[in-house]
PDB file of N, CA and C in Angstrom:
ATOM      1  N   UNK A   1     175.854  83.049  60.992  1.00  0.00           N
ATOM      2  CA  UNK A   1     174.527  82.506  60.875  1.00  0.00           C
ATOM      3  C   UNK A   1     174.441  81.283  61.773  1.00  0.00           C
ATOM      4  N   UNK A   2     173.338  81.157  62.486  1.00  0.00           N
ATOM      5  CA  UNK A   2     173.212  80.067  63.438  1.00  0.00           C
ATOM      6  C   UNK A   2     172.409  78.892  62.912  1.00  0.00           C
ATOM      7  N   UNK A   3     172.003  78.918  61.683  1.00  0.00           N
ATOM      8  CA  UNK A   3     171.243  77.819  61.117  1.00  0.00           C
ATOM      9  C   UNK A   3     170.091  78.335  60.281  1.00  0.00           C
ATOM     10  N   UNK A   4     169.169  77.450  59.995  1.00  0.00           N
ATOM     11  CA  UNK A   4     168.001  77.834  59.209  1.00  0.00           C
ATOM     12  C   UNK A   4     166.790  77.066  59.716  1.00  0.00           C
ATOM     13  N   UNK A   5     165.627  77.509  59.315  1.00  0.00           N
ATOM     14  CA  UNK A   5     164.389  76.831  59.661  1.00  0.00           C
ATOM     15  C   UNK A   5     164.374  75.479  58.958  1.00  0.00           C
ATOM     16  N   UNK A   6     164.166  74.397  59.697  1.00  0.00           N
ATOM     17  CA  UNK A   6     164.150  73.085  59.058  1.00  0.00           C
ATOM     18  C   UNK A   6     163.025  72.965  58.030  1.00  0.00           C
ATOM     19  N   UNK A   7     163.260  72.163  57.009  1.00  0.00           N
ATOM     20  CA  UNK A   7     162.240  71.917  56.001  1.00  0.00           C
ATOM     21  C   UNK A   7     161.285  70.850  56.467  1.00  0.00           C
ATOM     22  N   UNK A   8     160.290  70.514  55.709  1.00  0.00           N
ATOM     23  CA  UNK A   8     160.058  71.072  54.379  1.00  0.00           C
ATOM     24  C   UNK A   8     159.431  72.460  54.439  1.00  0.00           C
ATOM     25  N   UNK A   9     159.673  73.217  53.364  1.00  0.00           N
ATOM     26  CA  UNK A   9     159.069  74.529  53.201  1.00  0.00           C
ATOM     27  C   UNK A   9     158.022  74.429  52.105  1.00  0.00           C
ATOM     28  N   UNK A  10     157.002  75.256  52.200  1.00  0.00           N
ATOM     29  CA  UNK A  10     155.894  75.226  51.257  1.00  0.00           C
ATOM     30  C   UNK A  10     155.654  76.609  50.674  1.00  0.00           C
ATOM     31  N   UNK A  11     155.089  76.646  49.484  1.00  0.00           N
ATOM     32  CA  UNK A  11     154.728  77.903  48.817  1.00  0.00           C
ATOM     33  C   UNK A  11     153.216  78.045  48.896  1.00  0.00           C
ATOM     34  N   UNK A  12     152.766  79.239  49.285  1.00  0.00           N
ATOM     35  CA  UNK A  12     151.328  79.512  49.255  1.00  0.00           C
ATOM     36  C   UNK A  12     151.100  80.864  48.589  1.00  0.00           C
ATOM     37  N   UNK A  13     149.985  80.973  47.910  1.00  0.00           N
ATOM     38  CA  UNK A  13     149.621  82.205  47.207  1.00  0.00           C
ATOM     39  C   UNK A  13     149.174  83.236  48.232  1.00  0.00           C
ATOM     40  N   UNK A  14     149.887  84.342  48.325  1.00  0.00           N
ATOM     41  CA  UNK A  14     149.557  85.406  49.280  1.00  0.00           C
ATOM     42  C   UNK A  14     148.663  86.470  48.654  1.00  0.00           C
ATOM     43  N   UNK A  15     148.327  86.300  47.382  1.00  0.00           N
ATOM     44  CA  UNK A  15     147.504  87.282  46.685  1.00  0.00           C
ATOM     45  C   UNK A  15     148.353  88.396  46.100  1.00  0.00           C
ATOM     46  N   UNK A  16     147.772  89.169  45.235  1.00  0.00           N
ATOM     47  CA  UNK A  16     148.460  90.310  44.601  1.00  0.00           C
ATOM     48  C   UNK A  16     149.725  89.902  43.864  1.00  0.00           C
ATOM     49  N   UNK A  17     149.799  88.663  43.406  1.00  0.00           N
ATOM     50  CA  UNK A  17     150.977  88.195  42.685  1.00  0.00           C
ATOM     51  C   UNK A  17     152.147  87.855  43.580  1.00  0.00           C
ATOM     52  N   UNK A  18     151.922  87.782  44.895  1.00  0.00           N
ATOM     53  CA  UNK A  18     152.980  87.473  45.846  1.00  0.00           C
ATOM     54  C   UNK A  18     152.805  86.055  46.380  1.00  0.00           C
ATOM     55  N   UNK A  19     153.912  85.457  46.804  1.00  0.00           N
ATOM     56  CA  UNK A  19     153.890  84.101  47.329  1.00  0.00           C
ATOM     57  C   UNK A  19     154.689  84.039  48.616  1.00  0.00           C
ATOM     58  N   UNK A  20     154.128  83.362  49.614  1.00  0.00           N
ATOM     59  CA  UNK A  20     154.813  83.164  50.881  1.00  0.00           C
ATOM     60  C   UNK A  20     155.506  81.815  50.877  1.00  0.00           C
ATOM     61  N   UNK A  21     156.674  81.784  51.487  1.00  0.00           N
ATOM     62  CA  UNK A  21     157.391  80.539  51.730  1.00  0.00           C
ATOM     63  C   UNK A  21     157.293  80.319  53.230  1.00  0.00           C
ATOM     64  N   UNK A  22     156.773  79.171  53.628  1.00  0.00           N
ATOM     65  CA  UNK A  22     156.544  78.920  55.051  1.00  0.00           C
ATOM     66  C   UNK A  22     156.876  77.483  55.394  1.00  0.00           C
ATOM     67  N   UNK A  23     157.025  77.248  56.694  1.00  0.00           N
ATOM     68  CA  UNK A  23     157.269  75.874  57.132  1.00  0.00           C
ATOM     69  C   UNK A  23     155.976  75.216  57.595  1.00  0.00           C
ATOM     70  N   UNK A  24     154.847  75.788  57.207  1.00  0.00           N
ATOM     71  CA  UNK A  24     153.545  75.209  57.511  1.00  0.00           C
ATOM     72  C   UNK A  24     152.547  75.580  56.434  1.00  0.00           C
ATOM     73  N   UNK A  25     151.486  74.821  56.337  1.00  0.00           N
ATOM     74  CA  UNK A  25     150.440  75.103  55.363  1.00  0.00           C
ATOM     75  C   UNK A  25     149.536  76.206  55.889  1.00  0.00           C
ATOM     76  N   UNK A  26     148.776  76.870  55.003  1.00  0.00           N
ATOM     77  CA  UNK A  26     147.835  77.890  55.470  1.00  0.00           C
ATOM     78  C   UNK A  26     146.832  77.287  56.466  1.00  0.00           C
ATOM     79  N   UNK A  27     146.488  78.077  57.489  1.00  0.00           N
ATOM     80  CA  UNK A  27     145.523  77.597  58.476  1.00  0.00           C
ATOM     81  C   UNK A  27     144.096  77.749  57.944  1.00  0.00           C
ATOM     82  N   UNK A  28     143.105  77.503  58.806  1.00  0.00           N
ATOM     83  CA  UNK A  28     141.709  77.532  58.364  1.00  0.00           C
ATOM     84  C   UNK A  28     141.256  78.910  57.904  1.00  0.00           C
ATOM     85  N   UNK A  29     142.005  79.965  58.234  1.00  0.00           N
ATOM     86  CA  UNK A  29     141.682  81.327  57.805  1.00  0.00           C
ATOM     87  C   UNK A  29     142.462  81.740  56.565  1.00  0.00           C
ATOM     88  N   UNK A  30     143.257  80.828  56.019  1.00  0.00           N
ATOM     89  CA  UNK A  30     144.058  81.127  54.842  1.00  0.00           C
ATOM     90  C   UNK A  30     145.368  81.824  55.162  1.00  0.00           C
ATOM     91  N   UNK A  31     145.651  82.001  56.452  1.00  0.00           N
ATOM     92  CA  UNK A  31     146.903  82.647  56.857  1.00  0.00           C
ATOM     93  C   UNK A  31     147.992  81.594  56.969  1.00  0.00           C
ATOM     94  N   UNK A  32     149.188  81.993  56.564  1.00  0.00           N
ATOM     95  CA  UNK A  32     150.308  81.056  56.621  1.00  0.00           C
ATOM     96  C   UNK A  32     150.989  81.181  57.969  1.00  0.00           C
ATOM     97  N   UNK A  33     151.078  80.063  58.665  1.00  0.00           N
ATOM     98  CA  UNK A  33     151.831  80.026  59.918  1.00  0.00           C
ATOM     99  C   UNK A  33     153.288  79.741  59.587  1.00  0.00           C
ATOM    100  N   UNK A  34     154.183  80.388  60.287  1.00  0.00           N
ATOM    101  CA  UNK A  34     155.600  80.118  60.087  1.00  0.00           C
ATOM    102  C   UNK A  34     156.154  80.678  58.795  1.00  0.00           C
ATOM    103  N   UNK A  35     155.718  81.873  58.403  1.00  0.00           N
ATOM    104  CA  UNK A  35     156.210  82.483  57.165  1.00  0.00           C
ATOM    105  C   UNK A  35     157.702  82.779  57.282  1.00  0.00           C
ATOM    106  N   UNK A  36     158.453  82.287  56.336  1.00  0.00           N
ATOM    107  CA  UNK A  36     159.900  82.461  56.307  1.00  0.00           C
ATOM    108  C   UNK A  36     160.274  83.636  55.421  1.00  0.00           C
ATOM    109  N   UNK A  37     159.588  83.750  54.279  1.00  0.00           N
ATOM    110  CA  UNK A  37     159.899  84.806  53.312  1.00  0.00           C
ATOM    111  C   UNK A  37     158.698  85.029  52.409  1.00  0.00           C
ATOM    112  N   UNK A  38     158.674  86.182  51.773  1.00  0.00           N
ATOM    113  CA  UNK A  38     157.649  86.483  50.785  1.00  0.00           C
ATOM    114  C   UNK A  38     158.334  86.914  49.502  1.00  0.00           C
ATOM    115  N   UNK A  39     157.897  86.354  48.398  1.00  0.00           N
ATOM    116  CA  UNK A  39     158.379  86.755  47.081  1.00  0.00           C
ATOM    117  C   UNK A  39     157.339  87.702  46.508  1.00  0.00           C
ATOM    118  N   UNK A  40     157.782  88.910  46.217  1.00  0.00           N
ATOM    119  CA  UNK A  40     156.878  89.932  45.695  1.00  0.00           C
ATOM    120  C   UNK A  40     156.859  89.875  44.181  1.00  0.00           C
ATOM    121  N   UNK A  41     155.684  89.676  43.627  1.00  0.00           N
ATOM    122  CA  UNK A  41     155.517  89.646  42.184  1.00  0.00           C
ATOM    123  C   UNK A  41     154.526  90.693  41.747  1.00  0.00           C
ATOM    124  N   UNK A  42     154.573  91.839  42.405  1.00  0.00           N
ATOM    125  CA  UNK A  42     153.561  92.868  42.181  1.00  0.00           C
ATOM    126  C   UNK A  42     153.916  93.847  41.065  1.00  0.00           C
ATOM    127  N   UNK A  43     154.928  93.543  40.279  1.00  0.00           N
ATOM    128  CA  UNK A  43     155.257  94.337  39.095  1.00  0.00           C
ATOM    129  C   UNK A  43     155.294  93.403  37.903  1.00  0.00           C
ATOM    130  N   UNK A  44     154.982  93.904  36.712  1.00  0.00           N
ATOM    131  CA  UNK A  44     154.973  93.014  35.537  1.00  0.00           C
ATOM    132  C   UNK A  44     156.276  92.252  35.329  1.00  0.00           C
ATOM    133  N   UNK A  45     157.396  92.895  35.616  1.00  0.00           N
ATOM    134  CA  UNK A  45     158.679  92.209  35.407  1.00  0.00           C
ATOM    135  C   UNK A  45     158.903  91.095  36.414  1.00  0.00           C
ATOM    136  N   UNK A  46     158.227  91.142  37.555  1.00  0.00           N
ATOM    137  CA  UNK A  46     158.398  90.122  38.585  1.00  0.00           C
ATOM    138  C   UNK A  46     157.295  89.068  38.575  1.00  0.00           C
ATOM    139  N   UNK A  47     156.116  89.431  38.126  1.00  0.00           N
ATOM    140  CA  UNK A  47     154.977  88.532  38.242  1.00  0.00           C
ATOM    141  C   UNK A  47     155.151  87.247  37.444  1.00  0.00           C
ATOM    142  N   UNK A  48     155.865  87.299  36.343  1.00  0.00           N
ATOM    143  CA  UNK A  48     156.040  86.107  35.506  1.00  0.00           C
ATOM    144  C   UNK A  48     156.922  85.060  36.176  1.00  0.00           C
ATOM    145  N   UNK A  49     157.785  85.468  37.075  1.00  0.00           N
ATOM    146  CA  UNK A  49     158.719  84.528  37.689  1.00  0.00           C
ATOM    147  C   UNK A  49     158.519  84.362  39.192  1.00  0.00           C
ATOM    148  N   UNK A  50     157.572  85.064  39.777  1.00  0.00           N
ATOM    149  CA  UNK A  50     157.414  85.056  41.237  1.00  0.00           C
ATOM    150  C   UNK A  50     157.169  83.656  41.785  1.00  0.00           C
ATOM    151  N   UNK A  51     156.273  82.888  41.162  1.00  0.00           N
ATOM    152  CA  UNK A  51     155.992  81.547  41.676  1.00  0.00           C
ATOM    153  C   UNK A  51     157.211  80.642  41.530  1.00  0.00           C
ATOM    154  N   UNK A  52     157.895  80.720  40.405  1.00  0.00           N
ATOM    155  CA  UNK A  52     159.110  79.929  40.212  1.00  0.00           C
ATOM    156  C   UNK A  52     160.198  80.289  41.206  1.00  0.00           C
ATOM    157  N   UNK A  53     160.342  81.593  41.477  1.00  0.00           N
ATOM    158  CA  UNK A  53     161.322  82.034  42.476  1.00  0.00           C
ATOM    159  C   UNK A  53     160.969  81.491  43.859  1.00  0.00           C
ATOM    160  N   UNK A  54     159.681  81.561  44.195  1.00  0.00           N
ATOM    161  CA  UNK A  54     159.233  81.049  45.492  1.00  0.00           C
ATOM    162  C   UNK A  54     159.470  79.544  45.595  1.00  0.00           C
ATOM    163  N   UNK A  55     159.193  78.821  44.523  1.00  0.00           N
ATOM    164  CA  UNK A  55     159.417  77.375  44.523  1.00  0.00           C
ATOM    165  C   UNK A  55     160.899  77.040  44.702  1.00  0.00           C
ATOM    166  N   UNK A  56     161.764  77.815  44.062  1.00  0.00           N
ATOM    167  CA  UNK A  56     163.201  77.598  44.209  1.00  0.00           C
ATOM    168  C   UNK A  56     163.641  77.841  45.655  1.00  0.00           C
ATOM    169  N   UNK A  57     163.167  78.917  46.252  1.00  0.00           N
ATOM    170  CA  UNK A  57     163.507  79.210  47.643  1.00  0.00           C
ATOM    171  C   UNK A  57     162.979  78.114  48.559  1.00  0.00           C
ATOM    172  N   UNK A  58     161.747  77.667  48.316  1.00  0.00           N
ATOM    173  CA  UNK A  58     161.145  76.634  49.163  1.00  0.00           C
ATOM    174  C   UNK A  58     161.896  75.311  49.074  1.00  0.00           C
ATOM    175  N   UNK A  59     162.594  75.074  47.980  1.00  0.00           N
ATOM    176  CA  UNK A  59     163.349  73.823  47.832  1.00  0.00           C
ATOM    177  C   UNK A  59     164.715  73.882  48.508  1.00  0.00           C
ATOM    178  N   UNK A  60     165.070  75.017  49.093  1.00  0.00           N
ATOM    179  CA  UNK A  60     166.406  75.198  49.683  1.00  0.00           C
ATOM    180  C   UNK A  60     166.787  74.119  50.690  1.00  0.00           C
ATOM    181  N   UNK A  61     165.921  73.728  51.636  1.00  0.00           N
ATOM    182  CA  UNK A  61     166.342  72.676  52.572  1.00  0.00           C
ATOM    183  C   UNK A  61     166.665  71.354  51.874  1.00  0.00           C
ATOM    184  N   UNK A  62     165.886  70.997  50.856  1.00  0.00           N
ATOM    185  CA  UNK A  62     166.155  69.761  50.116  1.00  0.00           C
ATOM    186  C   UNK A  62     167.432  69.882  49.294  1.00  0.00           C
ATOM    187  N   UNK A  63     167.650  71.044  48.688  1.00  0.00           N
ATOM    188  CA  UNK A  63     168.885  71.263  47.927  1.00  0.00           C
ATOM    189  C   UNK A  63     170.102  71.182  48.839  1.00  0.00           C
ATOM    190  N   UNK A  64     169.989  71.743  50.035  1.00  0.00           N
ATOM    191  CA  UNK A  64     171.089  71.707  50.998  1.00  0.00           C
ATOM    192  C   UNK A  64     171.394  70.261  51.401  1.00  0.00           C
ATOM    193  N   UNK A  65     170.369  69.472  51.642  1.00  0.00           N
ATOM    194  CA  UNK A  65     170.574  68.060  51.997  1.00  0.00           C
ATOM    195  C   UNK A  65     171.241  67.301  50.848  1.00  0.00           C
ATOM    196  N   UNK A  66     170.810  67.574  49.622  1.00  0.00           N
ATOM    197  CA  UNK A  66     171.412  66.916  48.461  1.00  0.00           C
ATOM    198  C   UNK A  66     172.868  67.324  48.306  1.00  0.00           C
ATOM    199  N   UNK A  67     173.160  68.576  48.539  1.00  0.00           N
ATOM    200  CA  UNK A  67     174.535  69.059  48.429  1.00  0.00           C
ATOM    201  C   UNK A  67     175.422  68.409  49.485  1.00  0.00           C
ATOM    202  N   UNK A  68     174.903  68.226  50.680  1.00  0.00           N
ATOM    203  CA  UNK A  68     175.673  67.535  51.721  1.00  0.00           C
ATOM    204  C   UNK A  68     175.984  66.094  51.309  1.00  0.00           C
ATOM    205  N   UNK A  69     175.042  65.430  50.650  1.00  0.00           N
ATOM    206  CA  UNK A  69     175.272  64.079  50.160  1.00  0.00           C
ATOM    207  C   UNK A  69     176.369  64.075  49.101  1.00  0.00           C
ATOM    208  N   UNK A  70     176.327  65.032  48.188  1.00  0.00           N
ATOM    209  CA  UNK A  70     177.354  65.138  47.147  1.00  0.00           C
ATOM    210  C   UNK A  70     178.727  65.349  47.786  1.00  0.00           C
ATOM    211  N   UNK A  71     178.785  66.195  48.815  1.00  0.00           N
ATOM    212  CA  UNK A  71     180.059  66.442  49.499  1.00  0.00           C
ATOM    213  C   UNK A  71     180.602  65.144  50.086  1.00  0.00           C
ATOM    214  N   UNK A  72     179.731  64.341  50.690  1.00  0.00           N
ATOM    215  CA  UNK A  72     180.216  63.088  51.274  1.00  0.00           C
ATOM    216  C   UNK A  72     180.717  62.129  50.198  1.00  0.00           C
ATOM    217  N   UNK A  73     180.034  62.083  49.059  1.00  0.00           N
ATOM    218  CA  UNK A  73     180.495  61.232  47.958  1.00  0.00           C
ATOM    219  C   UNK A  73     181.819  61.724  47.391  1.00  0.00           C
ATOM    220  N   UNK A  74     181.941  63.045  47.254  1.00  0.00           N
ATOM    221  CA  UNK A  74     183.189  63.601  46.726  1.00  0.00           C
ATOM    222  C   UNK A  74     184.342  63.397  47.700  1.00  0.00           C
ATOM    223  N   UNK A  75     184.051  63.453  48.993  1.00  0.00           N
ATOM    224  CA  UNK A  75     185.099  63.198  49.986  1.00  0.00           C
ATOM    225  C   UNK A  75     185.602  61.766  49.842  1.00  0.00           C
ATOM    226  N   UNK A  76     184.678  60.846  49.624  1.00  0.00           N
ATOM    227  CA  UNK A  76     185.065  59.440  49.407  1.00  0.00           C
ATOM    228  C   UNK A  76     185.918  59.309  48.148  1.00  0.00           C
ATOM    229  N   UNK A  77     185.497  59.971  47.082  1.00  0.00           N
ATOM    230  CA  UNK A  77     186.246  59.900  45.830  1.00  0.00           C
ATOM    231  C   UNK A  77     187.618  60.532  45.971  1.00  0.00           C
ATOM    232  N   UNK A  78     187.699  61.642  46.712  1.00  0.00           N
ATOM    233  CA  UNK A  78     188.993  62.304  46.916  1.00  0.00           C
ATOM    234  C   UNK A  78     189.931  61.401  47.709  1.00  0.00           C
ATOM    235  N   UNK A  79     189.370  60.661  48.652  1.00  0.00           N
ATOM    236  CA  UNK A  79     190.184  59.780  49.494  1.00  0.00           C
ATOM    237  C   UNK A  79     190.656  58.549  48.734  1.00  0.00           C
ATOM    238  N   UNK A  80     189.749  57.962  47.969  1.00  0.00           N
ATOM    239  CA  UNK A  80     190.095  56.719  47.280  1.00  0.00           C
ATOM    240  C   UNK A  80     190.656  56.958  45.881  1.00  0.00           C
ATOM    241  N   UNK A  81     190.429  58.155  45.329  1.00  0.00           N
ATOM    242  CA  UNK A  81     190.888  58.446  43.973  1.00  0.00           C
ATOM    243  C   UNK A  81     189.912  58.008  42.911  1.00  0.00           C
ATOM    244  N   UNK A  82     188.800  57.409  43.332  1.00  0.00           N
ATOM    245  CA  UNK A  82     187.840  56.895  42.370  1.00  0.00           C
ATOM    246  C   UNK A  82     186.430  56.978  42.930  1.00  0.00           C
ATOM    247  N   UNK A  83     185.498  57.160  42.051  1.00  0.00           N
ATOM    248  CA  UNK A  83     184.086  57.066  42.401  1.00  0.00           C
ATOM    249  C   UNK A  83     183.408  56.386  41.230  1.00  0.00           C
ATOM    250  N   UNK A  84     182.827  55.234  41.495  1.00  0.00           N
ATOM    251  CA  UNK A  84     182.189  54.444  40.445  1.00  0.00           C
ATOM    252  C   UNK A  84     183.167  54.148  39.303  1.00  0.00           C
ATOM    253  N   UNK A  85     184.438  53.893  39.664  1.00  0.00           N
ATOM    254  CA  UNK A  85     185.426  53.494  38.681  1.00  0.00           C
ATOM    255  C   UNK A  85     186.026  54.618  37.858  1.00  0.00           C
ATOM    256  N   UNK A  86     185.674  55.854  38.172  1.00  0.00           N
ATOM    257  CA  UNK A  86     186.199  57.001  37.407  1.00  0.00           C
ATOM    258  C   UNK A  86     187.447  57.555  38.093  1.00  0.00           C
ATOM    259  N   UNK A  87     188.580  57.434  37.426  1.00  0.00           N
ATOM    260  CA  UNK A  87     189.837  57.960  37.952  1.00  0.00           C
ATOM    261  C   UNK A  87     190.263  59.225  37.220  1.00  0.00           C
ATOM    262  N   UNK A  88     189.546  59.603  36.153  1.00  0.00           N
ATOM    263  CA  UNK A  88     189.983  60.698  35.293  1.00  0.00           C
ATOM    264  C   UNK A  88     189.373  62.044  35.685  1.00  0.00           C
ATOM    265  N   UNK A  89     188.854  62.156  36.889  1.00  0.00           N
ATOM    266  CA  UNK A  89     188.224  63.389  37.344  1.00  0.00           C
ATOM    267  C   UNK A  89     189.023  63.941  38.514  1.00  0.00           C
ATOM    268  N   UNK A  90     189.176  65.263  38.561  1.00  0.00           N
ATOM    269  CA  UNK A  90     189.858  65.889  39.692  1.00  0.00           C
ATOM    270  C   UNK A  90     188.850  66.008  40.839  1.00  0.00           C
ATOM    271  N   UNK A  91     188.709  64.908  41.605  1.00  0.00           N
ATOM    272  CA  UNK A  91     187.710  64.853  42.670  1.00  0.00           C
ATOM    273  C   UNK A  91     187.964  65.903  43.739  1.00  0.00           C
ATOM    274  N   UNK A  92     189.236  66.188  44.022  1.00  0.00           N
ATOM    275  CA  UNK A  92     189.568  67.162  45.060  1.00  0.00           C
ATOM    276  C   UNK A  92     189.096  68.556  44.654  1.00  0.00           C
ATOM    277  N   UNK A  93     189.313  68.943  43.407  1.00  0.00           N
ATOM    278  CA  UNK A  93     188.876  70.262  42.932  1.00  0.00           C
ATOM    279  C   UNK A  93     187.352  70.348  42.920  1.00  0.00           C
ATOM    280  N   UNK A  94     186.707  69.261  42.497  1.00  0.00           N
ATOM    281  CA  UNK A  94     185.249  69.250  42.483  1.00  0.00           C
ATOM    282  C   UNK A  94     184.705  69.349  43.904  1.00  0.00           C
ATOM    283  N   UNK A  95     185.311  68.623  44.824  1.00  0.00           N
ATOM    284  CA  UNK A  95     184.882  68.653  46.219  1.00  0.00           C
ATOM    285  C   UNK A  95     185.050  70.043  46.807  1.00  0.00           C
ATOM    286  N   UNK A  96     186.151  70.691  46.505  1.00  0.00           N
ATOM    287  CA  UNK A  96     186.399  72.042  47.011  1.00  0.00           C
ATOM    288  C   UNK A  96     185.360  73.022  46.472  1.00  0.00           C
ATOM    289  N   UNK A  97     185.014  72.898  45.224  1.00  0.00           N
ATOM    290  CA  UNK A  97     184.014  73.768  44.615  1.00  0.00           C
ATOM    291  C   UNK A  97     182.649  73.591  45.269  1.00  0.00           C
ATOM    292  N   UNK A  98     182.259  72.342  45.471  1.00  0.00           N
ATOM    293  CA  UNK A  98     180.970  72.060  46.099  1.00  0.00           C
ATOM    294  C   UNK A  98     180.981  72.513  47.564  1.00  0.00           C
ATOM    295  N   UNK A  99     182.077  72.312  48.259  1.00  0.00           N
ATOM    296  CA  UNK A  99     182.176  72.766  49.647  1.00  0.00           C
ATOM    297  C   UNK A  99     182.047  74.278  49.752  1.00  0.00           C
ATOM    298  N   UNK A 100     182.624  75.011  48.799  1.00  0.00           N
ATOM    299  CA  UNK A 100     182.488  76.468  48.807  1.00  0.00           C
ATOM    300  C   UNK A 100     181.030  76.889  48.698  1.00  0.00           C
ATOM    301  N   UNK A 101     180.276  76.231  47.825  1.00  0.00           N
ATOM    302  CA  UNK A 101     178.857  76.536  47.674  1.00  0.00           C
ATOM    303  C   UNK A 101     178.100  76.172  48.950  1.00  0.00           C
ATOM    304  N   UNK A 102     178.411  75.020  49.524  1.00  0.00           N
ATOM    305  CA  UNK A 102     177.760  74.588  50.757  1.00  0.00           C
ATOM    306  C   UNK A 102     178.037  75.565  51.887  1.00  0.00           C
ATOM    307  N   UNK A 103     179.270  75.989  52.043  1.00  0.00           N
ATOM    308  CA  UNK A 103     179.615  76.949  53.086  1.00  0.00           C
ATOM    309  C   UNK A 103     178.901  78.275  52.887  1.00  0.00           C
ATOM    310  N   UNK A 104     178.782  78.705  51.636  1.00  0.00           N
ATOM    311  CA  UNK A 104     178.046  79.943  51.348  1.00  0.00           C
ATOM    312  C   UNK A 104     176.574  79.791  51.752  1.00  0.00           C
ATOM    313  N   UNK A 105     175.977  78.651  51.413  1.00  0.00           N
ATOM    314  CA  UNK A 105     174.570  78.408  51.755  1.00  0.00           C
ATOM    315  C   UNK A 105     174.355  78.370  53.264  1.00  0.00           C
ATOM    316  N   UNK A 106     175.361  77.892  53.984  1.00  0.00           N
ATOM    317  CA  UNK A 106     175.258  77.794  55.434  1.00  0.00           C
ATOM    318  C   UNK A 106     175.733  79.054  56.132  1.00  0.00           C
ATOM    319  N   UNK A 107     176.168  80.059  55.353  1.00  0.00           N
ATOM    320  CA  UNK A 107     176.610  81.319  55.932  1.00  0.00           C
ATOM    321  C   UNK A 107     177.958  81.233  56.619  1.00  0.00           C
ATOM    322  N   UNK A 108     178.746  80.239  56.274  1.00  0.00           N
ATOM    323  CA  UNK A 108     180.070  80.079  56.859  1.00  0.00           C
ATOM    324  C   UNK A 108     181.094  80.854  56.041  1.00  0.00           C
ATOM    325  N   UNK A 109     182.107  81.343  56.723  1.00  0.00           N
ATOM    326  CA  UNK A 109     183.193  82.048  56.047  1.00  0.00           C
ATOM    327  C   UNK A 109     184.075  81.026  55.373  1.00  0.00           C
ATOM    328  N   UNK A 110     184.443  81.295  54.110  1.00  0.00           N
ATOM    329  CA  UNK A 110     185.290  80.368  53.357  1.00  0.00           C
ATOM    330  C   UNK A 110     186.717  80.443  53.843  1.00  0.00           C
TER     331      UNK A 110
END
């Protein structure tokens, strides 16, 4: 994977119970420019969660940035043995776990 579309991403109602995730707001015709993905909620089992699913996907760039911050804090804790005075946590194991999730999100091989 070579990267992802930079955020922020937005959710717009595409009609029929579907939601578009895009890197731009709908234009003057109601069309979404820069559509990244569409969440289909056109079945009863999907319609109840379609907007929530779209919102979760749209938050991906912010979640990725937050995860990178956590990785940097955990790296500091792993190096110093402490973070905010806590020595009783296995910072290295926690850092490895978070790095695995980050690598998966970035499409990198573990």
